[in-house]
């Protein structure tokens, strides 16, 4: 009889469920872990069946965020990223972006590259900045940060810039310096 009472006490103490506490633990664990984690990844983006860009990343964390009952996917590329933009007519590389990392919002066609951002184009021009945003729908890249553009003839420094993704047409918002490059 004494063993039965001990068993009953143990059952009552450890057998009782706390659904509110269990639910909170489950919700916290969902926030801490990504939906997916991948290594050495290549993403292809297309428009009307033609590849327009490719993203190469060493490490990607994919997760879903919920804000005001709207869910959106977020891809965090935290160990370096390369984005290649193609000419849709001939599939030749038009420009290339590299950065220390990026956050991609695939549902809205928006990405933000950060840290040692460089963009080069087919003409050999190079853009350098610390932050650059890509809007896939508008087919543009832009920033409000300090930029440095090197062409074969000159070095242009400014604050803020907008360009097409091929980096063939660009506008600097506040030019702070132009240096001519001698051969």
Protein backbone atom coordinates (compact mmCIF):
# COMPACT_ATOMS: atom_id res chain seq x y z
CA UNK A 1 0.00 0.00 0.00
CA UNK A 2 2.88 2.32 0.79
CA UNK A 3 4.40 1.69 -2.69
CA UNK A 4 1.05 2.50 -4.30
CA UNK A 5 0.92 5.89 -2.50
CA UNK A 6 4.48 6.73 -3.60
CA UNK A 7 3.61 5.72 -7.17
CA UNK A 8 0.45 7.85 -7.04
CA UNK A 9 2.37 10.90 -5.76
CA UNK A 10 5.05 10.47 -8.45
CA UNK A 11 2.36 10.10 -11.12
CA UNK A 12 0.57 13.23 -9.97
CA UNK A 13 3.73 15.32 -9.74
CA UNK A 14 5.32 14.28 -13.02
CA UNK A 15 2.23 13.25 -14.96
CA UNK A 16 0.46 16.59 -14.82
CA UNK A 17 0.73 18.54 -18.03
CA UNK A 18 1.12 22.30 -18.30
CA UNK A 19 -0.16 23.08 -21.81
CA UNK A 20 0.47 26.84 -21.56
CA UNK A 21 4.09 26.28 -20.58
CA UNK A 22 4.54 23.62 -23.28
CA UNK A 23 3.09 25.99 -25.90
CA UNK A 24 5.45 28.80 -24.86
CA UNK A 25 8.46 26.47 -25.10
CA UNK A 26 7.32 25.33 -28.56
CA UNK A 27 6.87 28.94 -29.77
CA UNK A 28 10.32 29.94 -28.45
CA UNK A 29 11.97 26.98 -30.16
CA UNK A 30 10.36 27.92 -33.49
CA UNK A 31 11.85 31.42 -33.27
CA UNK A 32 15.37 30.17 -32.56
CA UNK A 33 15.68 27.67 -35.38
CA UNK A 34 15.61 28.45 -39.11
CA UNK A 35 13.26 26.72 -41.53
CA UNK A 36 16.30 25.51 -43.44
CA UNK A 37 20.06 25.89 -43.41
CA UNK A 38 22.14 25.23 -46.53
CA UNK A 39 25.79 25.29 -47.53
CA UNK A 40 27.39 26.03 -50.94
CA UNK A 41 24.16 27.19 -52.56
CA UNK A 42 23.27 28.51 -56.02
CA UNK A 43 19.91 30.23 -56.66
CA UNK A 44 18.68 31.11 -60.14
CA UNK A 45 16.12 33.88 -60.76
CA UNK A 46 14.20 33.95 -64.01
CA UNK A 47 11.83 36.24 -65.85
CA UNK A 48 9.57 34.84 -68.58
CA UNK A 49 11.54 31.60 -68.55
CA UNK A 50 14.94 33.27 -68.98
CA UNK A 51 17.58 33.32 -66.25
CA UNK A 52 18.28 36.92 -65.26
CA UNK A 53 20.49 36.40 -62.22
CA UNK A 54 22.29 33.84 -60.12
CA UNK A 55 23.20 34.00 -56.43
CA UNK A 56 26.10 31.96 -55.04
CA UNK A 57 26.53 31.68 -51.28
CA UNK A 58 28.62 29.59 -48.89
CA UNK A 59 25.98 29.58 -46.12
CA UNK A 60 22.25 30.38 -46.23
CA UNK A 61 19.77 30.49 -43.39
CA UNK A 62 16.18 30.44 -44.62
CA UNK A 63 13.39 31.45 -42.32
CA UNK A 64 9.85 32.75 -42.37
CA UNK A 65 8.86 35.87 -40.49
CA UNK A 66 5.34 36.79 -39.59
CA UNK A 67 4.40 40.45 -39.27
CA UNK A 68 0.77 41.49 -38.90
CA UNK A 69 -0.52 38.10 -40.12
CA UNK A 70 1.63 38.27 -43.28
CA UNK A 71 4.32 35.63 -43.69
CA UNK A 72 7.42 36.39 -45.73
CA UNK A 73 10.49 34.35 -46.49
CA UNK A 74 13.94 35.69 -45.63
CA UNK A 75 17.26 34.25 -46.75
CA UNK A 76 20.32 35.30 -44.75
CA UNK A 77 23.60 34.81 -46.62
CA UNK A 78 26.18 35.41 -43.92
CA UNK A 79 29.45 33.98 -45.22
CA UNK A 80 29.94 35.80 -48.49
CA UNK A 81 27.75 36.18 -51.55
CA UNK A 82 28.15 36.63 -55.30
CA UNK A 83 25.26 37.81 -57.52
CA UNK A 84 25.66 37.52 -61.27
CA UNK A 85 23.29 39.47 -63.52
CA UNK A 86 22.78 38.14 -67.05
CA UNK A 87 21.68 39.74 -70.29
CA UNK A 88 18.39 37.88 -70.95
CA UNK A 89 18.88 38.01 -74.73
CA UNK A 90 22.24 36.24 -74.94
CA UNK A 91 22.78 34.90 -71.37
CA UNK A 92 26.15 36.71 -71.16
CA UNK A 93 27.22 38.09 -67.80
CA UNK A 94 26.42 41.82 -67.63
CA UNK A 95 27.59 42.52 -64.08
CA UNK A 96 28.72 40.84 -60.89
CA UNK A 97 28.20 41.80 -57.27
CA UNK A 98 30.18 40.43 -54.33
CA UNK A 99 29.75 41.18 -50.63
CA UNK A 100 30.50 39.85 -47.16
CA UNK A 101 26.81 39.03 -46.72
CA UNK A 102 23.25 39.76 -47.79
CA UNK A 103 19.64 39.45 -46.79
CA UNK A 104 17.32 38.37 -49.60
CA UNK A 105 13.54 38.76 -49.52
CA UNK A 106 12.55 36.42 -52.39
CA UNK A 107 8.78 37.02 -52.10
CA UNK A 108 9.18 40.72 -52.92
CA UNK A 109 12.29 40.58 -55.13
CA UNK A 110 14.48 42.66 -52.85
CA UNK A 111 17.98 42.09 -51.48
CA UNK A 112 20.42 44.05 -49.36
CA UNK A 113 24.15 43.36 -49.64
CA UNK A 114 26.43 44.53 -46.83
CA UNK A 115 30.14 44.73 -46.14
CA UNK A 116 32.84 45.22 -48.80
CA UNK A 117 30.27 45.40 -51.61
CA UNK A 118 31.78 45.45 -55.10
CA UNK A 119 30.00 45.55 -58.44
CA UNK A 120 31.82 45.20 -61.75
CA UNK A 121 30.37 45.54 -65.24
CA UNK A 122 31.32 44.36 -68.72
CA UNK A 123 33.16 47.67 -69.39
CA UNK A 124 35.52 47.03 -66.48
CA UNK A 125 34.03 49.70 -64.24
CA UNK A 126 33.90 48.97 -60.53
CA UNK A 127 31.58 50.22 -57.78
CA UNK A 128 32.61 49.92 -54.12
CA UNK A 129 30.40 50.63 -51.10
CA UNK A 130 29.39 49.15 -47.74
CA UNK A 131 25.67 48.68 -48.48
CA UNK A 132 23.74 48.12 -51.71
CA UNK A 133 20.08 47.28 -52.31
CA UNK A 134 18.74 45.36 -55.32
CA UNK A 135 15.13 45.78 -56.47
CA UNK A 136 14.40 42.96 -58.93
CA UNK A 137 11.08 44.41 -60.13
CA UNK A 138 12.57 47.80 -61.02
CA UNK A 139 15.83 46.20 -62.23
CA UNK A 140 17.94 48.63 -60.20
CA UNK A 141 20.62 48.70 -57.51
CA UNK A 142 20.93 51.67 -55.15
CA UNK A 143 22.43 52.93 -51.89
CA UNK A 144 22.53 55.98 -49.68
CA UNK A 145 26.04 55.09 -48.45
CA UNK A 146 29.40 56.43 -49.63
CA UNK A 147 30.31 55.03 -53.06
CA UNK A 148 33.48 54.86 -55.06
CA UNK A 149 33.32 54.21 -58.81
CA UNK A 150 36.47 53.42 -60.73
CA UNK A 151 36.42 53.66 -64.53
CA UNK A 152 39.41 53.32 -66.88
CA UNK A 153 39.61 57.15 -66.97
CA UNK A 154 38.62 58.35 -63.49
CA UNK A 155 37.79 57.68 -59.86
CA UNK A 156 34.47 59.16 -58.70
CA UNK A 157 33.51 59.40 -55.02
CA UNK A 158 30.02 60.27 -53.85
CA UNK A 159 27.22 59.78 -51.36
CA UNK A 160 24.27 57.74 -52.63
CA UNK A 161 23.81 56.18 -56.04
CA UNK A 162 21.29 54.46 -58.31
CA UNK A 163 22.06 52.23 -61.30
CA UNK A 164 20.56 49.55 -63.50
CA UNK A 165 21.53 46.02 -62.42
CA UNK A 166 23.95 45.78 -65.33
CA UNK A 167 25.74 48.82 -63.85
CA UNK A 168 25.92 50.47 -67.28
CA UNK A 169 23.85 53.55 -66.43
CA UNK A 170 24.30 55.12 -63.02
CA UNK A 171 23.64 58.37 -61.19
CA UNK A 172 25.53 59.56 -58.12
CA UNK A 173 23.44 61.74 -55.83
CA UNK A 174 26.19 63.81 -54.16
CA UNK A 175 29.54 63.78 -55.95
CA UNK A 176 32.31 64.66 -53.51
CA UNK A 177 35.33 64.08 -55.72
CA UNK A 178 36.54 63.17 -59.20
CA UNK A 179 40.13 62.16 -59.87
CA UNK A 180 41.50 61.64 -63.37
CA UNK A 181 43.52 58.45 -63.78
CA UNK A 182 46.70 58.74 -65.83
CA UNK A 183 48.00 55.77 -67.78
